[in-house]
Amino acid sequence: MFVATCQSLPRVLSAGRRFTAAAPAVANGAAHPFVPPQAFANGHEVSTAPVAATPASRASVSADHWKERWSKEELQAHSQKHVMATWGPGSAMRQVPLLTHSKGVYLFDIDGNKYLDWTCQAICTNLGYDVPPSVVSAINKQITELPMVYGGLGNTEIRIRLAALLSELLPGDLNGFLFPSGGSEANEAAIRIARRFTGRAKIINHYRSYHGGSAHSCAATGDFRRGFVEAAGAPAGFIKTMNPTDSHRFSFGATEEERSAQALAFLEEQIVCEGPGSIAAVMFESVIGSGGVHLAPKGYMEGVRALCNKYGILMICDEVMAGFGRTGKLWGFQNYDVIPDIVTSAKGLTGAYVPLSMVAVRDHIKEHFETNALGWGATFHAHPVALAVGYECVKYMLEHDLVNHAKNVIEPIMKEEIARLVDKYASLAGGRCVGAFGCFDLIDPRTGEPVQNFDGSNCTNPDAVTAFRGALRANGLYGFVRPPMFHCAPALVITPEELKDGFQRADRALQVFDEAFRA
């Protein structure tokens, strides 16, 4: 909520990029100038003077590192000097809350402010902040008995047990598992698996999608963030297709059936034109997440499965956000009648208590790699402490019936509240939810158009967006907000009273947003 600005995000992270003189770097069509080696974009020369070796002892660093607490002023000073931001400029990060502790579904900052976590941070803290005792016990047990095993050299009981549990929870023959450290890494592995299994290179993705921040997962991404990797020379082989859902500019049809039929015909035409024998996989989010919480129209995903079968293409479902109960189903693809060939997930697997993701593959793919090298790996793959957390978190979800809680308790309240607010404010074009996953569409009521583009450009009322962010913070709602969308994705453990209170806070912030257009 407190990072993205109304202006376009910078496309150039110059100091970390490799430049060549052959052609200008391009991100989403914008050319950037050549930057000579050993120079920053701001014109400062890179120092090439030799640096004396730094001694490695306690006496060589500040004694402050042995203090139990640092003051707010000390933290801010060191943050300014040493801490870098990720997707947005670092200057924006200086304004975010400095968080100190948590309880239930709430976060607290260093000034004592209390925030309701409205989007599970990045749609990941699904179990809230009261870590189940079974998880704490599993961490302590595993880290005491066997804190680390490199997965390429040894196996562990917890790796076997989590794989067995997940195989029982996935439909069909999705029985083979990898355990990378995050969603981007899981999608990287899935892409590698698809290419090595099929011997083909191309991957088809939606434009309205996000698959991760690493090279191949970012190239697979359809939204503006792919520009960051494209500008630096993106990996080849990623083909974009149109989403079957409507935008304010375009629709495949007036009904769900018509949209599905037209979008599938468009996709098949692309497959034929690209050459089916060159396509390794179709890789879609089961439910579009950061792009606005969109279920595919009726029959679309089933049609994609049929096209994959027809042309011998693998179907990958990215469940990094949607998996583990977020949509009121254990898996987002269970909102349709399909079984993918490969499934990736992360976030909710451990409630984001520790980094862990998963890649599940069907039996015929697993068997292929029994005698062929898979060709992917990582030091922290199948880290035993992370696996222990994931194992207990999944069991906790099952024991407390959180998937049904999302569907039967959270979803009805969210549908009612979203409809109420859309009716109340002219600055909301619409809203929707599935399970505990919801989103509003923010518009400029003077034009009926989105208040800004997804990348922050073409903002029609920067003051309204700024006022909205400030009102969310003032009303104690915390999370990521990326106009023209306003997500609501609370923890799966939230109570009805907490959820209704959250919508009251959102209501007050939306009133500020709406009134800014009449000022």
Protein backbone atom coordinates (compact mmCIF):
# COMPACT_ATOMS: atom_id res chain seq x y z
CA MET A 1 0.00 0.00 0.00
CA PHE A 2 2.74 2.40 0.88
CA VAL A 3 5.19 1.85 -2.01
CA ALA A 4 3.79 2.27 -5.52
CA THR A 5 3.36 5.83 -6.70
CA CYS A 6 1.11 7.39 -9.26
CA GLN A 7 3.97 8.11 -11.59
CA SER A 8 5.49 5.46 -13.83
CA LEU A 9 7.94 3.21 -12.02
CA PRO A 10 11.52 3.59 -13.24
CA ARG A 11 12.43 1.01 -15.84
CA VAL A 12 16.18 1.32 -15.37
CA LEU A 13 18.18 -0.12 -12.54
CA SER A 14 21.36 1.01 -14.19
CA ALA A 15 24.08 -0.05 -11.79
CA GLY A 16 23.00 -3.67 -11.82
CA ARG A 17 22.47 -4.05 -15.55
CA ARG A 18 24.77 -5.29 -18.28
CA PHE A 19 24.78 -2.89 -21.20
CA THR A 20 25.97 -3.42 -24.74
CA ALA A 21 26.61 -0.97 -27.54
CA ALA A 22 24.77 -3.13 -30.06
CA ALA A 23 21.30 -1.72 -29.38
CA PRO A 24 19.50 0.49 -26.89
CA ALA A 25 17.84 -1.22 -23.94
CA VAL A 26 14.06 -1.24 -24.27
CA ALA A 27 11.38 -1.73 -21.61
CA ASN A 28 7.76 -1.73 -22.81
CA GLY A 29 8.78 0.21 -25.90
CA ALA A 30 10.83 2.92 -24.18
CA ALA A 31 14.44 3.14 -25.34
CA HIS A 32 17.17 3.89 -22.84
CA PRO A 33 20.58 5.31 -23.65
CA PHE A 34 23.79 3.30 -23.69
CA VAL A 35 25.73 3.58 -20.46
CA PRO A 36 29.49 3.05 -20.73
CA PRO A 37 31.13 0.37 -18.59
CA GLN A 38 32.33 1.56 -15.19
CA ALA A 39 29.81 4.42 -15.07
CA PHE A 40 26.51 4.94 -13.31
CA ALA A 41 23.56 6.58 -15.05
CA ASN A 42 24.01 9.65 -12.86
CA GLY A 43 27.44 10.23 -14.33
CA HIS A 44 29.55 9.26 -11.32
CA GLU A 45 32.52 7.16 -12.21
CA VAL A 46 32.85 3.76 -10.60
CA SER A 47 35.87 3.60 -8.35
CA THR A 48 38.49 1.10 -9.48
CA ALA A 49 40.96 1.83 -6.69
CA PRO A 50 42.06 -1.20 -4.66
CA VAL A 51 40.25 -1.64 -1.36
CA ALA A 52 42.09 -2.73 1.75
CA ALA A 53 41.01 -6.03 3.23
CA THR A 54 38.40 -5.66 5.97
CA PRO A 55 39.34 -7.36 9.24
CA ALA A 56 36.86 -10.00 10.37
CA SER A 57 36.52 -9.75 14.13
CA ARG A 58 34.10 -8.32 16.63
CA ALA A 59 36.38 -5.35 17.14
CA SER A 60 36.07 -4.43 13.46
CA VAL A 61 32.32 -3.69 13.61
CA SER A 62 30.15 -1.39 15.67
CA ALA A 63 29.41 -2.39 19.25
CA ASP A 64 25.81 -1.40 18.51
CA HIS A 65 25.28 -4.83 16.96
CA TRP A 66 25.35 -6.30 20.45
CA LYS A 67 22.67 -3.93 21.74
CA GLU A 68 19.27 -5.53 22.33
CA ARG A 69 17.38 -2.62 20.76
CA TRP A 70 18.15 0.19 18.33
CA SER A 71 16.29 3.47 18.60
CA LYS A 72 13.88 4.58 15.89
CA GLU A 73 16.34 7.26 14.81
CA GLU A 74 19.20 4.75 14.55
CA LEU A 75 17.05 2.38 12.50
CA GLN A 76 15.93 5.11 10.12
CA ALA A 77 19.48 6.34 9.62
CA HIS A 78 20.83 2.88 8.84
CA SER A 79 17.84 2.10 6.61
CA GLN A 80 18.49 5.23 4.58
CA LYS A 81 22.13 4.27 4.20
CA HIS A 82 21.95 0.53 3.62
CA VAL A 83 18.46 -0.81 2.78
CA MET A 84 17.38 -1.06 -0.86
CA ALA A 85 13.87 -1.39 -2.27
CA THR A 86 12.74 -3.88 -4.91
CA TRP A 87 10.07 -3.06 -7.52
CA GLY A 88 9.84 0.65 -6.75
CA PRO A 89 12.31 3.44 -6.02
CA GLY A 90 14.08 3.36 -2.66
CA SER A 91 12.84 6.82 -1.73
CA ALA A 92 9.27 5.53 -1.52
CA MET A 93 10.32 2.81 0.90
CA ARG A 94 11.44 5.44 3.43
CA GLN A 95 7.75 6.18 4.03
CA VAL A 96 6.56 2.65 4.83
CA PRO A 97 5.78 1.65 8.44
CA LEU A 98 8.66 0.30 10.50
CA LEU A 99 7.01 -2.82 11.89
CA THR A 100 7.91 -4.26 15.28
CA HIS A 101 5.47 -7.03 16.21
CA SER A 102 2.22 -8.76 15.32
CA LYS A 103 -0.80 -10.47 16.85
CA GLY A 104 -3.64 -12.37 15.21
CA VAL A 105 -4.40 -10.53 11.96
CA TYR A 106 -2.78 -7.28 13.13
CA LEU A 107 0.61 -5.61 12.69
CA PHE A 108 2.14 -2.92 14.92
CA ASP A 109 4.72 -0.29 14.01
CA ILE A 110 7.43 1.39 16.05
CA ASP A 111 5.11 4.32 16.81
CA GLY A 112 2.49 2.03 18.34
CA ASN A 113 0.06 2.15 15.41
CA LYS A 114 -2.06 -0.95 14.88
CA TYR A 115 -2.93 -2.15 11.37
CA LEU A 116 -5.30 -4.83 10.15
CA ASP A 117 -3.42 -6.80 7.49
CA TRP A 118 -5.88 -6.43 4.61
CA THR A 119 -4.00 -8.41 1.93
CA CYS A 120 -1.96 -10.90 3.96
CA GLN A 121 0.94 -8.66 2.96
CA ALA A 122 1.66 -10.11 -0.53
CA ILE A 123 -1.22 -12.64 -0.30
CA CYS A 124 0.93 -14.94 1.80
CA THR A 125 0.39 -14.70 5.60
CA ASN A 126 -2.67 -16.94 5.28
CA LEU A 127 -2.60 -18.19 8.87
CA GLY A 128 -2.18 -14.78 10.48
CA TYR A 129 0.52 -13.98 12.99
CA ASP A 130 -0.22 -16.34 15.88
CA VAL A 131 2.13 -19.12 14.85
CA PRO A 132 0.54 -22.45 15.79
CA PRO A 133 2.38 -24.21 18.63
CA SER A 134 2.78 -27.29 16.43
CA VAL A 135 4.74 -25.18 13.93
CA VAL A 136 6.99 -23.72 16.61
CA SER A 137 7.61 -27.20 18.00
CA ALA A 138 8.41 -28.56 14.53
CA ILE A 139 10.93 -25.77 13.90
CA ASN A 140 12.68 -26.37 17.21
CA LYS A 141 12.75 -30.14 16.71
CA GLN A 142 14.06 -30.00 13.15
CA ILE A 143 16.64 -27.28 13.74
CA THR A 144 17.97 -29.19 16.74
CA GLU A 145 18.07 -32.63 15.15
CA LEU A 146 19.01 -31.88 11.53
CA PRO A 147 19.10 -28.18 10.55
CA MET A 148 20.33 -28.56 6.97
CA VAL A 149 20.58 -31.18 4.25
CA TYR A 150 21.55 -30.29 0.69
CA GLY A 151 18.85 -32.02 -1.34
CA GLY A 152 21.26 -33.25 -3.99
CA LEU A 153 23.29 -35.24 -1.47
CA GLY A 154 20.76 -36.64 0.97
CA ASN A 155 17.08 -37.24 1.62
CA THR A 156 15.10 -36.57 4.80
CA GLU A 157 12.01 -37.94 6.49
CA ILE A 158 10.30 -34.55 6.45
CA ARG A 159 10.82 -34.18 2.68
CA ILE A 160 9.22 -37.57 2.10
CA ARG A 161 6.34 -36.91 4.47
CA LEU A 162 5.42 -33.51 3.00
CA ALA A 163 5.55 -34.92 -0.54
CA ALA A 164 3.30 -37.79 0.52
CA LEU A 165 0.81 -35.43 2.22
CA LEU A 166 0.59 -33.14 -0.80
CA SER A 167 0.12 -36.09 -3.16
CA GLU A 168 -2.96 -37.04 -1.12
CA LEU A 169 -4.33 -33.49 -1.40
CA LEU A 170 -3.79 -33.06 -5.14
CA PRO A 171 -6.16 -34.77 -7.60
CA GLY A 172 -5.20 -37.29 -10.24
CA ASP A 173 -1.62 -38.48 -10.54
CA LEU A 174 0.17 -35.29 -9.42
CA ASN A 175 2.60 -37.33 -7.35
CA GLY A 176 6.11 -35.94 -7.97
CA PHE A 177 7.44 -32.97 -5.98
CA LEU A 178 10.21 -30.41 -5.80
CA PHE A 179 10.49 -27.93 -2.94
CA PRO A 180 12.19 -24.67 -4.00
CA SER A 181 12.34 -21.61 -1.76
CA GLY A 182 9.78 -19.26 -3.34
CA GLY A 183 7.17 -18.81 -6.03
CA SER A 184 9.53 -17.33 -8.62
CA GLU A 185 11.93 -20.23 -8.13
CA ALA A 186 9.08 -22.75 -8.39
CA ASN A 187 7.99 -21.24 -11.70
CA GLU A 188 11.59 -21.23 -12.95
CA ALA A 189 11.77 -24.93 -12.16
CA ALA A 190 8.41 -25.62 -13.83
CA ILE A 191 9.55 -23.88 -17.02
CA ARG A 192 12.81 -25.87 -16.99
CA ILE A 193 10.92 -29.13 -16.45
CA ALA A 194 8.50 -28.41 -19.30
CA ARG A 195 11.27 -27.56 -21.72
CA ARG A 196 13.43 -30.54 -20.81
CA PHE A 197 10.50 -32.97 -20.84
CA THR A 198 9.17 -31.86 -24.23
CA GLY A 199 12.40 -30.79 -25.92
CA ARG A 200 10.60 -27.58 -26.93
CA ALA A 201 11.27 -23.97 -25.94
CA LYS A 202 8.15 -21.80 -26.12
CA ILE A 203 5.89 -21.00 -23.17
CA ILE A 204 2.51 -19.28 -23.65
CA ASN A 205 1.33 -16.93 -20.87
CA HIS A 206 -1.44 -14.39 -20.36
CA TYR A 207 -0.85 -10.66 -20.62
CA ARG A 208 -2.64 -10.06 -17.34
CA SER A 209 -0.40 -12.23 -15.19
CA TYR A 210 2.52 -12.29 -12.80
CA HIS A 211 4.81 -15.29 -12.39
CA GLY A 212 7.81 -13.95 -10.47
CA GLY A 213 10.82 -11.66 -10.40
CA SER A 214 13.63 -13.96 -11.58
CA ALA A 215 14.69 -13.97 -15.23
CA HIS A 216 12.44 -16.63 -16.77
CA SER A 217 9.50 -16.14 -14.40
CA CYS A 218 9.58 -12.41 -15.08
CA ALA A 219 9.78 -13.00 -18.83
CA ALA A 220 6.74 -15.25 -18.44
CA THR A 221 4.94 -12.42 -16.63
CA GLY A 222 2.49 -10.43 -18.71
CA ASP A 223 2.07 -7.23 -16.72
CA PHE A 224 4.37 -4.20 -16.75
CA ARG A 225 7.01 -5.84 -14.57
CA ARG A 226 8.28 -7.91 -17.49
CA GLY A 227 9.67 -4.60 -18.79
CA PHE A 228 12.38 -4.72 -16.15
CA VAL A 229 13.84 -7.94 -17.55
CA GLU A 230 13.05 -7.19 -21.19
CA ALA A 231 15.11 -4.02 -20.98
CA ALA A 232 18.12 -6.06 -19.89
CA GLY A 233 17.74 -8.71 -22.58
CA ALA A 234 15.00 -11.10 -21.52
CA PRO A 235 15.22 -14.87 -22.00
CA ALA A 236 13.63 -15.89 -25.30
CA GLY A 237 10.67 -18.15 -25.96
CA PHE A 238 7.80 -16.52 -24.06
CA ILE A 239 4.61 -15.87 -26.06
CA LYS A 240 1.74 -13.77 -24.68
CA THR A 241 -1.95 -14.41 -25.32
CA MET A 242 -4.99 -12.38 -24.34
CA ASN A 243 -6.85 -13.13 -21.12
CA PRO A 244 -10.42 -14.35 -21.65
CA THR A 245 -11.73 -11.84 -19.10
CA ASP A 246 -12.95 -8.35 -20.00
CA SER A 247 -10.98 -5.14 -19.72
CA HIS A 248 -12.36 -1.62 -20.02
CA ARG A 249 -11.13 -1.61 -23.64
CA PHE A 250 -11.93 -5.05 -24.97
CA SER A 251 -14.12 -8.12 -24.57
CA PHE A 252 -14.22 -11.43 -26.39
CA GLY A 253 -18.01 -11.54 -26.04
CA ALA A 254 -21.17 -10.69 -24.12
CA THR A 255 -21.51 -14.00 -22.26
CA GLU A 256 -19.10 -16.33 -20.48
CA GLU A 257 -19.62 -19.00 -23.13
CA GLU A 258 -18.93 -16.53 -25.95
CA ARG A 259 -15.83 -15.15 -24.24
CA SER A 260 -14.47 -18.65 -23.68
CA ALA A 261 -15.13 -19.77 -27.25
CA GLN A 262 -13.52 -16.69 -28.80
CA ALA A 263 -10.52 -16.67 -26.45
CA LEU A 264 -9.92 -20.37 -27.08
CA ALA A 265 -10.12 -19.85 -30.83
CA PHE A 266 -7.62 -17.01 -30.50
CA LEU A 267 -5.30 -19.22 -28.43
CA GLU A 268 -5.53 -22.12 -30.89
CA GLU A 269 -4.77 -19.78 -33.78
CA GLN A 270 -1.63 -18.67 -31.91
CA ILE A 271 -0.62 -22.27 -31.26
CA VAL A 272 -0.99 -23.16 -34.93
CA CYS A 273 0.85 -20.03 -36.09
CA GLU A 274 3.71 -20.53 -33.61
CA GLY A 275 3.92 -24.22 -34.49
CA PRO A 276 2.63 -26.75 -31.96
CA GLY A 277 5.90 -28.66 -32.14
CA SER A 278 7.74 -25.62 -30.77
CA ILE A 279 5.56 -25.08 -27.69
CA ALA A 280 6.52 -26.73 -24.40
CA ALA A 281 3.72 -25.46 -22.18
CA VAL A 282 0.80 -23.15 -21.61
CA MET A 283 1.41 -21.55 -18.20
CA PHE A 284 -1.50 -19.63 -16.64
CA GLU A 285 -2.44 -18.44 -13.18
CA SER A 286 -5.42 -20.57 -12.11
CA VAL A 287 -7.03 -17.38 -10.80
CA ILE A 288 -5.52 -14.09 -11.94
CA GLY A 289 -4.07 -12.62 -8.74
CA SER A 290 -2.28 -9.28 -8.70
CA GLY A 291 -3.96 -8.52 -12.05
CA GLY A 292 -7.34 -8.17 -10.39
CA VAL A 293 -8.70 -11.50 -9.02
CA HIS A 294 -10.34 -12.91 -12.14
CA LEU A 295 -11.73 -16.41 -12.52
CA ALA A 296 -11.65 -17.70 -16.08
CA PRO A 297 -15.07 -17.70 -17.77
CA LYS A 298 -16.99 -20.95 -17.87
CA GLY A 299 -15.36 -23.57 -20.05
CA TYR A 300 -12.13 -21.68 -20.75
CA MET A 301 -9.69 -23.65 -18.61
CA GLU A 302 -11.30 -26.90 -19.71
CA GLY A 303 -10.79 -25.73 -23.30
CA VAL A 304 -7.14 -24.94 -22.60
CA ARG A 305 -6.70 -28.46 -21.21
CA ALA A 306 -8.27 -29.88 -24.38
CA LEU A 307 -5.97 -27.81 -26.63
CA CYS A 308 -2.95 -28.99 -24.65
CA ASN A 309 -4.05 -32.59 -25.10
CA LYS A 310 -4.70 -32.04 -28.82
CA TYR A 311 -1.26 -30.58 -29.54
CA GLY A 312 0.87 -32.45 -27.00
CA ILE A 313 1.54 -29.34 -24.88
CA LEU A 314 1.94 -29.35 -21.10
CA MET A 315 -0.48 -27.36 -18.94
CA ILE A 316 1.09 -25.51 -16.00
CA CYS A 317 -1.11 -23.92 -13.34
CA ASP A 318 0.57 -21.21 -11.27
CA GLU A 319 -1.01 -21.44 -7.81
CA VAL A 320 1.54 -19.29 -5.98
CA MET A 321 -1.22 -16.97 -4.75
CA ALA A 322 -4.33 -19.10 -5.22
CA GLY A 323 -3.13 -22.35 -3.67
CA PHE A 324 -3.78 -23.60 -0.14
CA GLY A 325 -7.32 -22.37 0.33
CA ARG A 326 -7.21 -18.76 -0.83
CA THR A 327 -10.12 -19.20 -3.29
CA GLY A 328 -12.29 -21.37 -1.05
CA LYS A 329 -10.87 -24.48 -2.73
CA LEU A 330 -7.62 -26.09 -1.65
CA TRP A 331 -6.31 -25.43 -5.18
CA GLY A 332 -7.40 -22.61 -7.45
CA PHE A 333 -7.65 -24.92 -10.47
CA GLN A 334 -10.36 -26.86 -8.60
CA ASN A 335 -12.70 -24.02 -9.53
CA TYR A 336 -12.64 -25.73 -12.96
CA ASP A 337 -12.78 -29.32 -14.19
CA VAL A 338 -9.11 -29.74 -15.08
CA ILE A 339 -6.01 -31.55 -13.91
CA PRO A 340 -2.80 -29.72 -14.90
CA ASP A 341 0.42 -31.48 -15.80
CA ILE A 342 2.45 -29.24 -13.48
CA VAL A 343 1.32 -27.17 -10.48
CA THR A 344 3.38 -24.56 -8.66
CA SER A 345 2.54 -22.98 -5.32
CA ALA A 346 4.21 -21.17 -2.41
CA LYS A 347 3.01 -18.38 -0.06
CA GLY A 348 0.23 -20.25 1.80
CA LEU A 349 2.24 -23.48 2.02
CA THR A 350 4.01 -22.19 5.14
CA GLY A 351 1.77 -19.21 5.91
CA ALA A 352 4.89 -17.24 4.88
CA TYR A 353 6.52 -18.05 8.23
CA VAL A 354 9.57 -19.30 6.30
CA PRO A 355 10.35 -19.39 2.55
CA LEU A 356 9.15 -22.56 0.79
CA SER A 357 7.42 -23.44 -2.46
CA MET A 358 6.43 -26.56 -4.34
CA VAL A 359 6.32 -27.94 -7.85
CA ALA A 360 4.04 -30.92 -8.43
CA VAL A 361 4.19 -32.99 -11.62
CA ARG A 362 2.16 -35.87 -12.96
CA ASP A 363 3.50 -39.43 -12.88
CA HIS A 364 4.59 -39.60 -16.53
CA ILE A 365 6.76 -36.51 -16.06
CA LYS A 366 8.22 -37.80 -12.80
CA GLU A 367 9.03 -41.14 -14.40
CA HIS A 368 10.78 -39.44 -17.31
CA PHE A 369 13.20 -37.82 -14.89
CA GLU A 370 13.93 -41.08 -13.13
CA THR A 371 16.28 -41.84 -16.02
CA ASN A 372 16.92 -38.32 -17.34
CA ALA A 373 18.48 -35.39 -15.51
CA LEU A 374 15.91 -32.84 -14.48
CA GLY A 375 18.55 -30.12 -14.77
CA TRP A 376 17.41 -27.79 -12.02
CA GLY A 377 18.57 -27.40 -8.42
CA ALA A 378 19.35 -24.96 -5.61
CA THR A 379 21.29 -25.03 -2.36
CA PHE A 380 18.21 -24.48 -0.23
CA HIS A 381 15.89 -26.75 -2.20
CA ALA A 382 14.00 -29.02 0.22
CA HIS A 383 15.46 -27.27 3.26
CA PRO A 384 14.42 -29.48 6.19
CA VAL A 385 13.42 -26.66 8.56
CA ALA A 386 11.21 -25.07 5.90
CA LEU A 387 9.70 -28.46 5.07
CA ALA A 388 8.87 -29.04 8.73
CA VAL A 389 7.01 -25.71 8.81
CA GLY A 390 5.13 -26.49 5.61
CA TYR A 391 4.14 -29.92 6.86
CA GLU A 392 2.66 -28.59 10.08
CA CYS A 393 0.99 -25.59 8.40
CA VAL A 394 -0.83 -27.81 5.92
CA LYS A 395 -1.96 -30.11 8.71
CA TYR A 396 -3.12 -27.07 10.72
CA MET A 397 -5.23 -25.91 7.76
CA LEU A 398 -6.83 -29.34 7.54
CA GLU A 399 -7.42 -29.69 11.27
CA HIS A 400 -9.08 -26.25 11.47
CA ASP A 401 -11.04 -26.60 8.21
CA LEU A 402 -9.75 -23.27 6.92
CA VAL A 403 -10.65 -23.96 3.28
CA ASN A 404 -14.32 -24.25 4.19
CA HIS A 405 -13.97 -21.19 6.45
CA ALA A 406 -12.77 -19.21 3.43
CA LYS A 407 -15.67 -20.44 1.30
CA ASN A 408 -18.56 -20.47 3.77
CA VAL A 409 -17.69 -17.70 6.23
CA ILE A 410 -15.34 -15.22 4.56
CA GLU A 411 -16.69 -15.27 1.00
CA PRO A 412 -20.35 -14.43 1.82
CA ILE A 413 -19.29 -11.42 3.92
CA MET A 414 -16.86 -10.24 1.25
CA LYS A 415 -19.47 -10.53 -1.51
CA GLU A 416 -22.00 -8.56 0.51
CA GLU A 417 -19.53 -5.84 1.52
CA ILE A 418 -17.99 -5.51 -1.95
CA ALA A 419 -21.46 -5.11 -3.50
CA ARG A 420 -22.39 -2.51 -0.87
CA LEU A 421 -19.31 -0.39 -1.52
CA VAL A 422 -19.59 -0.64 -5.32
CA ASP A 423 -23.17 0.64 -5.04
CA LYS A 424 -22.07 3.43 -2.70
CA TYR A 425 -19.15 4.95 -4.61
CA ALA A 426 -19.03 6.22 -8.19
CA SER A 427 -15.25 5.75 -8.12
CA LEU A 428 -15.67 1.96 -8.01
CA ALA A 429 -16.47 0.38 -11.37
CA GLY A 430 -16.95 -3.03 -9.87
CA GLY A 431 -15.65 -5.69 -7.54
CA ARG A 432 -15.53 -9.45 -7.17
CA CYS A 433 -14.29 -12.19 -4.91
CA VAL A 434 -13.77 -15.92 -4.78
CA GLY A 435 -13.20 -17.42 -1.35
CA ALA A 436 -11.02 -14.99 0.60
CA PHE A 437 -9.66 -13.32 -2.54
CA GLY A 438 -11.29 -10.05 -3.61
CA CYS A 439 -10.63 -6.89 -5.59
CA PHE A 440 -12.20 -3.52 -6.47
CA ASP A 441 -11.69 -1.59 -9.72
CA LEU A 442 -10.80 2.06 -9.03
CA ILE A 443 -11.91 4.54 -11.71
CA ASP A 444 -12.07 8.25 -12.32
CA PRO A 445 -15.84 8.86 -12.03
CA ARG A 446 -15.56 11.86 -14.34
CA THR A 447 -14.55 9.63 -17.25
CA GLY A 448 -15.39 6.07 -16.22
CA GLU A 449 -11.82 5.07 -17.07
CA PRO A 450 -9.29 3.44 -14.70
CA VAL A 451 -7.72 6.06 -12.45
CA GLN A 452 -4.30 5.03 -13.74
CA ASN A 453 -2.54 2.29 -15.63
CA PHE A 454 -1.31 -0.76 -13.75
CA ASP A 455 2.28 0.51 -13.94
CA GLY A 456 1.27 3.82 -12.34
CA SER A 457 1.34 5.86 -15.55
CA ASN A 458 -1.42 8.09 -16.95
CA CYS A 459 -2.85 8.87 -13.53
CA THR A 460 -5.84 11.19 -13.97
CA ASN A 461 -5.89 12.36 -10.36
CA PRO A 462 -2.61 11.89 -8.43
CA ASP A 463 -4.03 13.76 -5.44
CA ALA A 464 -6.89 11.26 -5.15
CA VAL A 465 -4.52 8.28 -5.21
CA THR A 466 -2.24 9.90 -2.63
CA ALA A 467 -5.19 10.78 -0.42
CA PHE A 468 -6.50 7.21 -0.68
CA ARG A 469 -3.20 5.71 0.42
CA GLY A 470 -3.01 8.14 3.32
CA ALA A 471 -6.59 7.36 4.37
CA LEU A 472 -5.92 3.61 4.33
CA ARG A 473 -2.96 4.10 6.62
CA ALA A 474 -4.85 6.53 8.86
CA ASN A 475 -7.66 3.99 9.19
CA GLY A 476 -5.25 1.20 10.06
CA LEU A 477 -5.46 -0.92 6.90
CA TYR A 478 -2.17 -2.45 5.78
CA GLY A 479 -1.35 -4.23 2.55
CA PHE A 480 -0.39 -3.76 -1.06
CA VAL A 481 -2.48 -1.38 -3.13
CA ARG A 482 -1.78 -1.03 -6.82
CA PRO A 483 -4.36 1.21 -8.50
CA PRO A 484 -6.43 0.82 -10.56
CA MET A 485 -7.01 -2.19 -8.33
CA PHE A 486 -7.67 -2.38 -4.61
CA HIS A 487 -7.29 -5.93 -3.31
CA CYS A 488 -8.80 -7.45 -0.19
CA ALA A 489 -7.34 -10.81 0.81
CA PRO A 490 -7.42 -11.27 4.58
CA ALA A 491 -5.99 -14.14 6.55
CA LEU A 492 -7.97 -17.37 6.36
CA VAL A 493 -8.25 -17.27 10.16
CA ILE A 494 -9.96 -13.86 10.28
CA THR A 495 -13.20 -13.70 12.25
CA PRO A 496 -16.44 -12.27 10.82
CA GLU A 497 -16.20 -9.33 13.24
CA GLU A 498 -12.63 -8.51 12.18
CA LEU A 499 -13.55 -8.82 8.50
CA LYS A 500 -16.54 -6.48 8.82
CA ASP A 501 -14.39 -4.01 10.73
CA GLY A 502 -11.87 -4.14 7.89
CA PHE A 503 -14.54 -3.22 5.37
CA GLN A 504 -15.64 -0.30 7.56
CA ARG A 505 -12.05 0.96 7.50
CA ALA A 506 -11.92 0.47 3.73
CA ASP A 507 -15.23 2.32 3.42
CA ARG A 508 -13.80 5.39 5.17
CA ALA A 509 -10.72 5.36 2.95
CA LEU A 510 -12.80 4.96 -0.22
CA GLN A 511 -14.91 7.91 0.84
CA VAL A 512 -11.75 10.05 0.86
CA PHE A 513 -10.84 8.71 -2.60
CA ASP A 514 -14.31 9.37 -3.97
CA GLU A 515 -14.53 12.89 -2.55
CA ALA A 516 -11.15 13.84 -4.04
CA PHE A 517 -12.77 13.89 -7.49
CA ARG A 518 -15.31 16.45 -6.33
CA ALA A 519 -12.83 18.74 -4.59
